[in-house]
Protein backbone atom coordinates (compact mmCIF):
# COMPACT_ATOMS: atom_id res chain seq x y z
CA UNK A 1 8.11 38.98 -9.35
CA UNK A 2 5.47 36.28 -9.57
CA UNK A 3 1.93 37.45 -10.32
CA UNK A 4 -0.36 37.52 -7.32
CA UNK A 5 -3.06 34.95 -7.13
CA UNK A 6 -6.74 35.64 -6.86
CA UNK A 7 -9.21 32.85 -6.12
CA UNK A 8 -12.62 32.99 -7.65
CA UNK A 9 -14.49 32.14 -4.47
CA UNK A 10 -12.97 34.65 -2.04
CA UNK A 11 -9.77 36.69 -1.65
CA UNK A 12 -6.74 34.73 -0.43
CA UNK A 13 -6.38 36.81 2.78
CA UNK A 14 -9.91 35.76 3.88
CA UNK A 15 -9.38 32.08 3.41
CA UNK A 16 -8.65 29.90 6.42
CA UNK A 17 -6.46 26.84 6.33
CA UNK A 18 -8.27 23.77 7.59
CA UNK A 19 -6.90 20.47 8.92
CA UNK A 20 -8.81 17.93 11.01
CA UNK A 21 -10.76 18.98 14.12
CA UNK A 22 -8.46 19.49 17.01
CA UNK A 23 -8.64 17.03 19.87
CA UNK A 24 -9.32 17.98 23.43
CA UNK A 25 -6.42 19.72 25.17
CA UNK A 26 -4.08 17.31 26.86
CA UNK A 27 -4.86 14.27 24.76
CA UNK A 28 -1.77 12.22 24.06
CA UNK A 29 -1.98 10.83 20.60
CA UNK A 30 -0.20 7.88 19.10
CA UNK A 31 -1.45 4.56 20.55
CA UNK A 32 -2.83 2.01 18.07
CA UNK A 33 -4.60 -1.09 19.24
CA UNK A 34 -6.24 -4.01 17.41
CA UNK A 35 -9.86 -3.11 16.62
CA UNK A 36 -10.65 -6.50 18.12
CA UNK A 37 -9.67 -5.69 21.70
CA UNK A 38 -8.72 -9.34 22.44
CA UNK A 39 -8.64 -12.53 20.35
CA UNK A 40 -12.09 -13.88 19.74
CA UNK A 41 -13.67 -16.91 18.17
CA UNK A 42 -15.49 -14.91 15.49
CA UNK A 43 -14.60 -11.90 13.34
CA UNK A 44 -16.25 -9.85 10.66
CA UNK A 45 -14.19 -8.72 7.72
CA UNK A 46 -15.29 -6.45 4.89
CA UNK A 47 -13.86 -7.29 1.51
CA UNK A 48 -13.48 -4.63 -1.09
CA UNK A 49 -12.31 -6.35 -4.26
CA UNK A 50 -12.54 -3.07 -6.32
CA UNK A 51 -11.21 -2.90 -9.85
CA UNK A 52 -8.73 -4.46 -12.25
CA UNK A 53 -6.84 -7.30 -10.56
CA UNK A 54 -8.51 -6.52 -7.32
CA UNK A 55 -11.14 -9.30 -7.46
CA UNK A 56 -8.48 -11.87 -8.43
CA UNK A 57 -6.13 -11.22 -5.58
CA UNK A 58 -8.87 -10.70 -3.01
CA UNK A 59 -10.26 -14.16 -3.89
CA UNK A 60 -6.86 -15.72 -3.16
CA UNK A 61 -6.44 -13.84 0.08
CA UNK A 62 -9.93 -14.77 1.25
CA UNK A 63 -9.08 -18.44 0.80
CA UNK A 64 -5.94 -18.01 2.91
CA UNK A 65 -7.87 -16.25 5.68
CA UNK A 66 -10.41 -18.98 5.81
CA UNK A 67 -7.80 -21.74 6.00
CA UNK A 68 -5.71 -20.16 8.80
CA UNK A 69 -8.85 -19.36 10.71
CA UNK A 70 -9.87 -23.01 10.64
CA UNK A 71 -6.39 -24.06 11.68
CA UNK A 72 -6.26 -21.59 14.56
CA UNK A 73 -9.80 -22.32 15.76
CA UNK A 74 -11.66 -19.09 14.97
CA UNK A 75 -14.26 -18.08 12.53
CA UNK A 76 -14.36 -15.26 9.97
CA UNK A 77 -17.55 -13.90 8.39
CA UNK A 78 -17.00 -11.97 5.12
CA UNK A 79 -19.03 -9.21 3.63
CA UNK A 80 -18.10 -8.25 0.10
CA UNK A 81 -18.96 -4.65 -0.87
CA UNK A 82 -18.47 -2.53 -4.06
CA UNK A 83 -15.91 0.33 -4.18
CA UNK A 84 -14.07 2.33 -6.71
CA UNK A 85 -14.94 1.94 -10.41
CA UNK A 86 -17.09 -1.11 -9.64
CA UNK A 87 -19.17 0.98 -7.35
CA UNK A 88 -19.45 3.86 -9.86
CA UNK A 89 -20.72 1.45 -12.49
CA UNK A 90 -23.41 0.09 -10.08
CA UNK A 91 -24.53 2.99 -8.02
CA UNK A 92 -22.82 6.05 -9.43
CA UNK A 93 -20.41 6.92 -6.57
CA UNK A 94 -17.01 5.56 -5.76
CA UNK A 95 -17.78 4.86 -2.03
CA UNK A 96 -21.42 3.98 -1.34
CA UNK A 97 -22.70 4.71 2.12
CA UNK A 98 -23.44 1.02 2.54
CA UNK A 99 -19.83 0.13 1.87
CA UNK A 100 -18.48 2.67 4.35
CA UNK A 101 -20.90 1.50 7.02
CA UNK A 102 -19.89 -2.12 6.45
CA UNK A 103 -16.22 -1.20 6.83
CA UNK A 104 -16.90 0.80 10.08
CA UNK A 105 -18.87 -2.09 11.61
CA UNK A 106 -16.30 -4.69 10.73
CA UNK A 107 -13.29 -5.82 12.68
CA UNK A 108 -11.07 -5.10 9.62
CA UNK A 109 -11.29 -4.28 5.99
CA UNK A 110 -9.26 -5.87 3.15
CA UNK A 111 -9.04 -3.87 -0.10
CA UNK A 112 -7.86 -5.24 -3.48
CA UNK A 113 -7.29 -2.25 -5.86
CA UNK A 114 -9.20 0.62 -7.30
CA UNK A 115 -9.03 2.66 -10.59
CA UNK A 116 -8.69 2.05 -14.29
CA UNK A 117 -8.61 3.70 -17.64
CA UNK A 118 -12.37 3.62 -17.94
CA UNK A 119 -12.86 6.28 -15.15
CA UNK A 120 -9.78 8.38 -15.82
CA UNK A 121 -11.71 11.28 -17.35
CA UNK A 122 -14.39 11.38 -14.66
CA UNK A 123 -14.86 14.51 -12.68
CA UNK A 124 -12.87 14.41 -9.41
CA UNK A 125 -15.74 13.46 -7.15
CA UNK A 126 -16.51 10.56 -9.50
CA UNK A 127 -13.06 9.08 -9.70
CA UNK A 128 -12.32 5.78 -7.93
CA UNK A 129 -9.35 7.32 -6.07
CA UNK A 130 -11.77 9.82 -4.44
CA UNK A 131 -13.47 6.86 -2.85
CA UNK A 132 -10.25 5.61 -1.35
CA UNK A 133 -9.57 8.99 0.20
CA UNK A 134 -13.06 9.03 1.63
CA UNK A 135 -12.69 5.48 2.97
CA UNK A 136 -9.45 6.43 4.81
CA UNK A 137 -11.04 9.56 6.20
CA UNK A 138 -14.19 7.77 7.18
CA UNK A 139 -12.28 4.99 9.09
CA UNK A 140 -9.99 7.71 10.61
CA UNK A 141 -6.91 5.60 9.74
CA UNK A 142 -4.05 8.13 9.93
CA UNK A 143 -0.99 5.78 10.07
CA UNK A 144 0.02 3.86 6.97
CA UNK A 145 2.68 1.21 7.62
CA UNK A 146 4.46 0.05 4.46
CA UNK A 147 7.22 -2.51 4.90
CA UNK A 148 9.80 -2.98 2.18
CA UNK A 149 11.93 -6.12 2.65
CA UNK A 150 14.19 -7.69 0.06
CA UNK A 151 13.62 -11.45 0.51
CA UNK A 152 16.72 -13.67 -0.12
CA UNK A 153 14.66 -15.60 -2.65
CA UNK A 154 14.00 -12.48 -4.67
CA UNK A 155 17.15 -10.48 -4.43
CA UNK A 156 17.98 -11.13 -8.08
CA UNK A 157 14.58 -9.61 -9.06
CA UNK A 158 15.61 -6.23 -7.77
CA UNK A 159 16.69 -3.69 -10.35
CA UNK A 160 19.51 -2.64 -8.00
CA UNK A 161 22.87 -4.44 -7.77
CA UNK A 162 22.76 -7.40 -5.55
CA UNK A 163 25.19 -5.90 -3.04
CA UNK A 164 22.95 -2.82 -2.76
CA UNK A 165 19.60 -4.65 -2.44
CA UNK A 166 20.60 -7.63 -0.36
CA UNK A 167 19.44 -7.29 3.27
CA UNK A 168 17.22 -4.27 2.81
CA UNK A 169 14.53 -4.25 5.46
CA UNK A 170 12.77 -0.98 6.08
CA UNK A 171 9.42 0.38 7.11
CA UNK A 172 7.79 3.59 5.79
CA UNK A 173 5.28 5.15 8.26
CA UNK A 174 3.22 7.52 6.22
CA UNK A 175 0.77 10.09 7.64
CA UNK A 176 -2.39 9.30 5.73
CA UNK A 177 -5.26 11.69 6.47
CA UNK A 178 -3.58 15.14 6.45
CA UNK A 179 -1.40 17.25 4.28
CA UNK A 180 -1.88 18.42 0.68
CA UNK A 181 -4.27 15.61 -0.15
CA UNK A 182 -6.86 16.89 2.34
CA UNK A 183 -5.76 20.48 3.11
CA UNK A 184 -7.96 23.49 2.35
CA UNK A 185 -8.19 25.91 0.54
CA UNK A 186 -7.98 23.93 -2.65
CA UNK A 187 -9.58 24.27 -6.10
CA UNK A 188 -9.34 26.28 -9.27
CA UNK A 189 -9.29 30.01 -10.05
CA UNK A 190 -7.67 32.70 -12.09
CA UNK A 191 -4.68 34.98 -11.41
CA UNK A 192 -4.46 38.70 -12.06
CA UNK A 193 -3.53 38.05 -15.71
CA UNK A 194 -6.69 35.99 -16.22
CA UNK A 195 -4.78 32.74 -16.39
CA UNK A 196 -6.44 29.62 -15.00
CA UNK A 197 -4.74 28.16 -11.92
CA UNK A 198 -5.07 25.13 -9.65
CA UNK A 199 -4.18 25.31 -6.03
CA UNK A 200 -3.74 22.99 -3.04
CA UNK A 201 -2.69 23.46 0.53
CA UNK A 202 -0.12 21.47 2.51
CA UNK A 203 -1.24 21.98 6.10
CA UNK A 204 -0.70 20.08 9.33
CA UNK A 205 -1.78 20.71 12.86
CA UNK A 206 0.64 19.85 15.62
CA UNK A 207 -1.40 17.04 16.94
CA UNK A 208 -1.51 15.32 13.51
CA UNK A 209 2.28 15.33 13.46
CA UNK A 210 2.57 14.23 17.09
CA UNK A 211 0.41 11.14 16.74
CA UNK A 212 2.14 9.86 13.57
CA UNK A 213 5.49 10.62 15.10
CA UNK A 214 4.66 8.51 18.15
CA UNK A 215 3.58 5.55 15.92
CA UNK A 216 6.85 5.85 14.09
CA UNK A 217 8.94 5.95 17.25
CA UNK A 218 6.99 2.93 18.62
CA UNK A 219 7.57 1.14 15.29
CA UNK A 220 11.31 1.95 15.24
CA UNK A 221 11.61 0.80 18.90
CA UNK A 222 10.26 -2.66 17.90
CA UNK A 223 12.68 -2.87 15.00
CA UNK A 224 16.30 -1.72 15.04
CA UNK A 225 15.82 1.57 16.94
CA UNK A 226 16.52 4.03 14.12
CA UNK A 227 14.03 6.58 12.80
CA UNK A 228 14.52 8.96 9.87
CA UNK A 229 12.11 11.77 9.54
CA UNK A 230 11.76 12.99 5.97
CA UNK A 231 10.62 16.55 5.22
CA UNK A 232 11.41 19.64 3.16
CA UNK A 233 12.12 21.91 6.08
CA UNK A 234 14.54 24.08 4.16
CA UNK A 235 11.61 25.39 1.99
CA UNK A 236 8.21 24.47 3.39
CA UNK A 237 6.70 25.95 6.52
CA UNK A 238 4.58 22.84 7.07
CA UNK A 239 7.80 20.78 7.03
CA UNK A 240 9.45 23.24 9.50
CA UNK A 241 6.60 22.52 11.94
CA UNK A 242 6.88 18.84 11.14
CA UNK A 243 10.54 18.78 12.10
CA UNK A 244 9.96 20.84 15.27
CA UNK A 245 7.22 18.51 16.50
CA UNK A 246 9.15 15.34 15.61
CA UNK A 247 12.14 16.62 17.64
CA UNK A 248 9.81 17.44 20.56
CA UNK A 249 8.27 13.92 20.56
CA UNK A 250 11.79 12.36 20.34
CA UNK A 251 12.32 13.29 24.03
CA UNK A 252 9.76 10.61 24.88
CA UNK A 253 11.93 7.95 23.09
CA UNK A 254 15.53 8.38 24.26
CA UNK A 255 16.25 4.73 23.14
CA UNK A 256 15.39 5.58 19.47
CA UNK A 257 18.06 7.23 17.28
CA UNK A 258 16.43 10.10 15.31
CA UNK A 259 17.79 11.62 12.04
CA UNK A 260 16.33 14.04 9.53
CA UNK A 261 16.57 14.06 5.80
CA UNK A 262 15.17 16.25 2.99
CA UNK A 263 12.82 14.42 0.75
CA UNK A 264 14.89 14.92 -2.40
CA UNK A 265 17.97 13.45 -0.69
CA UNK A 266 15.79 10.59 0.71
CA UNK A 267 14.71 9.68 -2.73
CA UNK A 268 18.26 9.50 -3.91
CA UNK A 269 19.49 7.61 -0.85
CA UNK A 270 16.82 4.95 -1.21
CA UNK A 271 18.38 3.76 -4.41
CA UNK A 272 21.98 4.59 -3.42
CA UNK A 273 22.19 2.89 -0.03
CA UNK A 274 18.75 1.66 1.16
CA UNK A 275 20.26 -0.41 3.97
CA UNK A 276 21.00 2.74 5.89
CA UNK A 277 17.29 3.01 6.67
CA UNK A 278 15.35 1.21 9.39
CA UNK A 279 12.07 3.21 9.87
CA UNK A 280 11.04 6.25 7.88
CA UNK A 281 8.33 8.71 8.94
CA UNK A 282 7.02 11.32 6.58
CA UNK A 283 3.92 13.21 5.46
CA UNK A 284 1.20 12.06 3.14
CA UNK A 285 2.52 13.07 -0.30
CA UNK A 286 6.19 12.28 0.41
CA UNK A 287 5.18 8.87 1.86
CA UNK A 288 3.08 8.14 -1.16
CA UNK A 289 6.08 8.60 -3.43
CA UNK A 290 8.89 7.21 -1.30
CA UNK A 291 7.00 3.97 -0.38
CA UNK A 292 6.46 3.26 -4.05
CA UNK A 293 10.10 3.84 -4.77
CA UNK A 294 11.03 1.57 -1.89
CA UNK A 295 8.80 -1.13 -3.28
CA UNK A 296 10.85 -1.42 -6.41
CA UNK A 297 14.04 -2.16 -4.39
CA UNK A 298 12.32 -5.40 -3.45
CA UNK A 299 11.93 -6.50 -7.04
CA UNK A 300 8.18 -5.93 -7.52
CA UNK A 301 5.41 -3.73 -6.25
CA UNK A 302 3.38 -6.89 -6.32
CA UNK A 303 5.14 -8.18 -3.16
CA UNK A 304 4.43 -5.32 -0.71
CA UNK A 305 1.47 -5.15 1.78
CA UNK A 306 0.31 -2.22 3.84
CA UNK A 307 -1.69 -1.47 6.92
CA UNK A 308 -3.63 1.70 7.62
CA UNK A 309 -4.47 2.10 11.25
CA UNK A 310 -6.22 4.57 13.61
CA UNK A 311 -6.43 4.86 17.38
CA UNK A 312 -9.66 2.91 17.50
CA UNK A 313 -11.96 1.11 15.12
CA UNK A 314 -11.13 -1.17 12.19
CA UNK A 315 -8.01 -0.91 10.18
CA UNK A 316 -7.65 -0.90 6.38
CA UNK A 317 -5.40 -3.43 4.81
CA UNK A 318 -4.26 -3.43 1.11
CA UNK A 319 -1.49 -4.25 -1.28
CA UNK A 320 0.31 -1.14 -2.44
CA UNK A 321 0.13 -2.12 -6.11
CA UNK A 322 -2.57 -0.58 -8.33
CA UNK A 323 -5.36 -2.20 -10.23
CA UNK A 324 -3.13 -3.16 -13.25
CA UNK A 325 -5.99 -3.01 -15.77
CA UNK A 326 -3.57 -4.21 -18.56
CA UNK A 327 -3.38 -7.68 -16.98
CA UNK A 328 -6.80 -7.82 -15.23
CA UNK A 329 -8.75 -11.02 -15.83
CA UNK A 330 -5.71 -12.79 -17.35
CA UNK A 331 -4.61 -14.71 -14.25
CA UNK A 332 -1.23 -12.89 -14.32
CA UNK A 333 -1.45 -10.92 -11.13
CA UNK A 334 0.89 -11.53 -8.21
CA UNK A 335 -1.38 -12.21 -5.17
CA UNK A 336 1.36 -12.31 -2.53
CA UNK A 337 1.09 -8.62 -1.52
CA UNK A 338 -2.62 -9.17 -0.90
CA UNK A 339 -1.89 -12.33 1.07
CA UNK A 340 0.76 -10.50 3.13
CA UNK A 341 -1.81 -7.72 3.69
CA UNK A 342 -4.08 -10.37 4.98
CA UNK A 343 -1.34 -11.39 7.40
CA UNK A 344 -0.98 -7.78 8.51
CA UNK A 345 -4.75 -7.77 8.98
CA UNK A 346 -4.54 -10.75 11.26
CA UNK A 347 -1.61 -9.32 13.18
CA UNK A 348 -2.60 -5.65 13.55
CA UNK A 349 -6.32 -5.84 13.08
CA UNK A 350 -7.39 -9.08 14.92
CA UNK A 351 -4.34 -9.71 17.17
CA UNK A 352 -4.18 -13.23 15.70
CA UNK A 353 -0.38 -13.41 15.62
CA UNK A 354 -0.09 -17.14 15.00
CA UNK A 355 -2.45 -17.08 12.09
CA UNK A 356 -0.48 -14.22 10.52
CA UNK A 357 2.73 -16.14 10.95
CA UNK A 358 1.21 -19.15 9.10
CA UNK A 359 0.61 -16.92 5.96
CA UNK A 360 3.98 -15.28 6.18
CA UNK A 361 5.81 -18.63 6.52
CA UNK A 362 3.73 -20.15 3.70
CA UNK A 363 4.63 -17.30 1.35
CA UNK A 364 8.37 -17.78 2.09
CA UNK A 365 7.95 -21.58 1.61
CA UNK A 366 6.23 -21.10 -1.70
CA UNK A 367 9.05 -18.91 -2.93
CA UNK A 368 11.57 -21.37 -1.71
CA UNK A 369 9.89 -24.05 -3.70
CA UNK A 370 10.49 -21.90 -6.81
CA UNK A 371 7.03 -20.72 -7.74
CA UNK A 372 6.93 -17.21 -9.31
CA UNK A 373 4.38 -15.00 -11.09
CA UNK A 374 5.55 -13.02 -14.09
CA UNK A 375 6.57 -9.93 -12.26
CA UNK A 376 9.21 -11.76 -10.18
CA UNK A 377 10.04 -14.65 -12.51
CA UNK A 378 13.63 -15.49 -13.38
CA UNK A 379 15.32 -18.37 -15.25
CA UNK A 380 15.08 -21.66 -13.50
CA UNK A 381 11.88 -20.84 -11.63
CA UNK A 382 8.39 -22.14 -12.34
CA UNK A 383 6.15 -19.48 -13.85
CA UNK A 384 2.58 -19.63 -12.48
CA UNK A 385 -0.53 -17.50 -12.53
CA UNK A 386 -2.44 -15.84 -9.78
CA UNK A 387 -4.68 -18.78 -8.95
CA UNK A 388 -1.88 -21.39 -8.92
CA UNK A 389 0.35 -19.14 -6.80
CA UNK A 390 -2.48 -18.90 -4.32
CA UNK A 391 -3.02 -22.67 -4.38
CA UNK A 392 0.62 -23.28 -3.65
CA UNK A 393 0.56 -20.94 -0.66
CA UNK A 394 -2.54 -22.74 0.65
CA UNK A 395 -0.58 -26.00 0.36
CA UNK A 396 2.19 -24.50 2.42
CA UNK A 397 -0.18 -23.14 5.02
CA UNK A 398 -1.85 -26.52 5.49
CA UNK A 399 1.49 -28.33 5.87
CA UNK A 400 3.33 -25.85 8.09
CA UNK A 401 3.02 -25.14 11.83
CA UNK A 402 3.17 -21.41 12.70
CA UNK A 403 6.68 -20.08 13.12
CA UNK A 404 8.27 -16.66 13.33
CA UNK A 405 9.65 -15.29 10.10
């Protein structure tokens, strides 16, 4: 029998499990709107370059935003703020109040990347990653949309066989502000044998599951009408509730085909037969892992954008790649994920669909013309750096009329 656990602060039986504050009874969760209620002629965007390659890719994306804004007849005012390790070095915290306030007041926030070896040994509250969790919580963005599409131009860059990777087009909808990353109790203690322990809590309230489920069903409805809910309901009580609530919400979407899959099987199926998936919905930690796995199907994590959205207020848009400190400052970063994140910002954050399409079409055109950064380079293509790749996309934006992609 496993040894019982004793926590240093208070006995386990006296601890309460905490998730976010419950909404008023009867609230129906799950509708996401652009923070800019209708297209305007002027927007405010907070830029968070962050660490590592973050400043390089944000600079490129900013240029793209400025260009499409001028072409579509609106203006963007940018405010650049420190975050992550950059903020730690300047003011001693990973998310300064001024940075969070800027993000809250903006129409949307674009983040580069955070983290690096320099801060790896910091105490938890002084780690760059803590700032990112605080930012997500502060903006109340609970739905993380992470597309993973294998572009025809890059199918040979995938580590999977061409017949497996070709045609993959899926969306991971990840719950972002609940679960084990935020659940309490958490911390350190000792067990009855005097051994040091660390503990975290996977906890979800029904409304947290309901609202992310509705976002996922809405997303699937706009795609191919198939939703796979990923959990571990054969073992975890939190997953049992997850599955129960997703099934309940499914009655509101009879036109969407719902299936369920355990997370270990989902991880295997993503590399075995990824084309079986259309839209995936899952909790915070499973989504963190599965979306990174899905990114490698596409050939490079440097190609994938993401959008983190709430029911009101500004969204947070960022590439899913990390800060890549090993190549920072060397003009080797792939800026396309950040540029595509900027396109998601225009689409989901500002409701500027045509401007978003300009960037998406320009990225495809640049790839069609054979330009590649090192992470997606193959024989016969032109190897370029971060800046030149950005310049080529700008050329395509300037020469193309907006078109659906």
